[in-house]
Amino acid sequence: MPLTGDRLTPAETRGPAEGDNGSFESKHRFGFRWDREADLPLKLSLKPGEKFVLNGAVVQNGDRRGVLVLQNKASVLREKDIMQEEEANTPARRIYFPVMMMYLDEANADRYYDEFVRRLTEFMGVISNPSVLADCVNISKHCISREFYKALMLCRKIMDYEDERLGNVPSGVSAGRDAG
């Protein structure tokens, strides 16, 4: 089972809710961020051996399924959603990477901000799709407001758009057409 999480009500922090499967996957594709508006803990369900970053530290679950309850604000991102610098090899991924770094290292976000602005400006200069341009503007607004998790969700959206337009398919996924 993938890393999942749910906001808990104060009553649920005393124990698991009846029938709660912890599913958060349908609401959020990746990572988690403490919701500043909601003063509720975040419950994470982890599969055996699953890795994630929690406030900059790489954490790995043990050999059994586990559950963590974060009681305060934290930046959490699953291993599959962490991009290495060398993987930032397309225009949209070059936007995602500095936003991800701002999210994971919020105390030093200013260090990554100029790269983000440069890459977003380049991307917007060659895009004509109004919806994608609106997403770019919203990514910028979220970064200015230091709402990096929200910006990351929109970055994922423009990466999907880019993949569709360029015909990129993640490794291990069939494109559904012959190479020839």
Protein backbone atom coordinates (compact mmCIF):
# COMPACT_ATOMS: atom_id res chain seq x y z
CA MET A 1 0.00 0.00 0.00
CA PRO A 2 1.42 3.42 -0.87
CA LEU A 3 2.15 6.12 1.65
CA THR A 4 -1.20 7.56 2.58
CA GLY A 5 -2.43 10.15 5.03
CA ASP A 6 -5.56 11.70 6.41
CA ARG A 7 -6.28 14.66 8.57
CA LEU A 8 -7.45 13.41 11.94
CA THR A 9 -10.07 14.93 14.13
CA PRO A 10 -9.05 15.37 17.79
CA ALA A 11 -11.17 12.31 18.72
CA GLU A 12 -9.30 10.16 16.19
CA THR A 13 -5.90 10.99 17.66
CA ARG A 14 -6.76 8.70 20.59
CA GLY A 15 -6.90 5.65 18.32
CA PRO A 16 -7.72 4.43 14.82
CA ALA A 17 -11.18 5.19 13.52
CA GLU A 18 -13.43 2.24 12.81
CA GLY A 19 -13.26 1.33 9.10
CA ASP A 20 -10.54 3.93 8.39
CA ASN A 21 -8.22 2.73 5.64
CA GLY A 22 -6.14 5.92 5.78
CA SER A 23 -6.55 6.54 2.07
CA PHE A 24 -5.24 9.92 1.05
CA GLU A 25 -4.01 8.88 -2.36
CA SER A 26 -7.09 9.98 -4.26
CA LYS A 27 -6.84 13.50 -2.86
CA HIS A 28 -3.10 14.07 -3.14
CA ARG A 29 -0.76 12.51 -5.67
CA PHE A 30 2.37 13.03 -3.68
CA GLY A 31 3.81 14.35 -0.46
CA PHE A 32 2.08 15.92 2.44
CA ARG A 33 2.19 19.29 4.08
CA TRP A 34 0.83 20.34 7.44
CA ASP A 35 -2.29 22.37 6.78
CA ARG A 36 -1.74 25.70 8.55
CA GLU A 37 -5.47 26.45 8.51
CA ALA A 38 -6.44 23.16 10.13
CA ASP A 39 -5.04 22.45 13.56
CA LEU A 40 -5.32 18.69 13.04
CA PRO A 41 -2.70 15.92 13.06
CA LEU A 42 -1.69 14.14 9.84
CA LYS A 43 -1.88 10.34 9.74
CA LEU A 44 0.53 8.57 7.38
CA SER A 45 0.17 4.88 6.50
CA LEU A 46 3.44 3.39 5.28
CA LYS A 47 4.19 0.19 3.40
CA PRO A 48 7.14 -1.94 4.53
CA GLY A 49 10.50 -0.36 3.66
CA GLU A 50 8.92 2.79 2.27
CA LYS A 51 11.12 5.89 2.34
CA PHE A 52 10.07 9.51 2.62
CA VAL A 53 11.58 12.86 3.54
CA LEU A 54 10.34 14.45 6.75
CA ASN A 55 11.57 18.02 7.33
CA GLY A 56 14.72 17.28 5.36
CA ALA A 57 15.53 13.93 6.98
CA VAL A 58 15.27 10.72 4.96
CA VAL A 59 13.15 8.25 6.95
CA GLN A 60 12.49 4.61 6.13
CA ASN A 61 9.69 2.46 7.50
CA GLY A 62 10.62 -0.92 9.00
CA ASP A 63 9.75 -4.35 7.67
CA ARG A 64 6.04 -4.07 8.49
CA ARG A 65 3.26 -1.75 7.53
CA GLY A 66 3.32 1.25 9.86
CA VAL A 67 1.35 4.32 10.79
CA LEU A 68 2.77 7.69 11.85
CA VAL A 69 0.75 10.55 13.28
CA LEU A 70 2.37 13.95 12.87
CA GLN A 71 1.06 16.27 15.56
CA ASN A 72 2.52 19.51 14.20
CA LYS A 73 3.54 21.25 10.98
CA ALA A 74 5.89 19.20 8.81
CA SER A 75 7.07 18.91 5.21
CA VAL A 76 6.76 15.33 3.97
CA LEU A 77 7.46 14.01 0.47
CA ARG A 78 7.46 10.41 -0.76
CA GLU A 79 10.55 8.93 -2.34
CA LYS A 80 8.87 8.52 -5.75
CA ASP A 81 8.09 12.24 -5.85
CA ILE A 82 11.57 13.39 -5.00
CA MET A 83 13.44 14.50 -8.08
CA GLN A 84 17.20 14.37 -8.34
CA GLU A 85 18.83 17.38 -9.97
CA GLU A 86 19.91 15.36 -13.03
CA GLU A 87 16.25 14.36 -13.57
CA ALA A 88 15.30 18.02 -14.07
CA ASN A 89 15.85 17.61 -17.81
CA THR A 90 12.74 19.21 -19.34
CA PRO A 91 11.37 22.75 -18.97
CA ALA A 92 8.55 21.75 -16.59
CA ARG A 93 10.87 19.56 -14.52
CA ARG A 94 13.29 22.48 -14.26
CA ILE A 95 10.42 24.36 -12.58
CA TYR A 96 9.47 21.44 -10.34
CA PHE A 97 12.98 20.92 -8.98
CA PRO A 98 13.53 24.35 -7.35
CA VAL A 99 9.95 24.36 -6.03
CA MET A 100 10.59 20.94 -4.49
CA MET A 101 13.79 22.26 -2.93
CA MET A 102 11.95 25.27 -1.51
CA TYR A 103 9.35 22.89 -0.05
CA LEU A 104 11.91 20.53 1.47
CA ASP A 105 14.27 23.28 2.67
CA GLU A 106 11.89 26.14 3.45
CA ALA A 107 14.43 27.88 5.70
CA ASN A 108 16.68 28.34 2.63
CA ALA A 109 13.94 28.84 0.03
CA ASP A 110 15.47 32.13 -1.13
CA ARG A 111 18.48 30.15 -2.39
CA TYR A 112 16.25 28.34 -4.95
CA TYR A 113 13.82 31.13 -5.79
CA ASP A 114 15.85 32.87 -8.56
CA GLU A 115 16.26 29.57 -10.44
CA PHE A 116 12.52 28.96 -10.11
CA VAL A 117 11.68 32.43 -11.51
CA ARG A 118 14.10 32.03 -14.42
CA ARG A 119 12.74 28.60 -15.37
CA LEU A 120 9.10 29.61 -14.99
CA THR A 121 9.66 32.71 -17.15
CA GLU A 122 11.32 30.60 -19.87
CA PHE A 123 8.47 28.09 -19.79
CA MET A 124 5.76 30.74 -19.93
CA GLY A 125 7.53 32.38 -22.88
CA VAL A 126 6.88 29.35 -25.10
CA ILE A 127 3.46 28.23 -23.86
CA SER A 128 0.24 29.53 -25.40
CA ASN A 129 -2.30 27.30 -23.62
CA PRO A 130 -4.33 29.66 -21.35
CA SER A 131 -5.01 26.97 -18.76
CA VAL A 132 -1.32 26.06 -18.44
CA LEU A 133 -0.36 29.74 -18.27
CA ALA A 134 -2.92 30.23 -15.48
CA ASP A 135 -1.35 27.26 -13.64
CA CYS A 136 2.06 28.91 -14.03
CA VAL A 137 0.76 32.17 -12.57
CA ASN A 138 -0.75 30.24 -9.65
CA ILE A 139 2.51 28.36 -9.08
CA SER A 140 4.23 31.72 -8.79
CA LYS A 141 1.58 33.05 -6.40
CA HIS A 142 1.90 29.97 -4.20
CA CYS A 143 5.69 30.30 -4.11
CA ILE A 144 5.47 33.97 -3.19
CA SER A 145 3.06 32.99 -0.39
CA ARG A 146 5.44 30.18 0.66
CA GLU A 147 2.73 27.63 -0.08
CA PHE A 148 5.22 25.30 -1.73
CA TYR A 149 3.13 22.14 -1.48
CA LYS A 150 0.32 23.78 -3.46
CA ALA A 151 2.89 24.96 -6.01
CA LEU A 152 4.25 21.41 -6.31
CA MET A 153 0.79 20.04 -7.07
CA LEU A 154 0.46 22.52 -9.94
CA CYS A 155 4.00 21.77 -11.12
CA ARG A 156 2.98 18.13 -11.38
CA LYS A 157 0.07 19.25 -13.55
CA ILE A 158 2.31 21.16 -15.99
CA MET A 159 4.73 18.22 -16.07
CA ASP A 160 1.82 16.00 -17.14
CA TYR A 161 0.87 18.57 -19.80
CA GLU A 162 4.46 18.66 -21.04
CA ASP A 163 4.63 14.85 -21.14
CA GLU A 164 1.43 14.73 -23.20
CA ARG A 165 2.67 17.36 -25.65
CA LEU A 166 6.16 15.89 -26.02
CA GLY A 167 4.99 12.29 -25.99
CA ASN A 168 7.12 11.50 -22.93
CA VAL A 169 6.14 8.37 -21.07
CA PRO A 170 7.61 7.49 -17.67
CA SER A 171 10.03 4.56 -17.81
CA GLY A 172 8.35 1.21 -17.36
CA VAL A 173 5.06 2.44 -18.82
CA SER A 174 4.02 1.36 -22.28
CA ALA A 175 3.18 4.18 -24.66
CA GLY A 176 0.53 1.98 -26.24
CA ARG A 177 2.06 2.30 -29.71
CA ASP A 178 4.79 0.60 -31.68
CA ALA A 179 8.26 2.12 -31.84
CA GLY A 180 8.28 1.89 -35.63
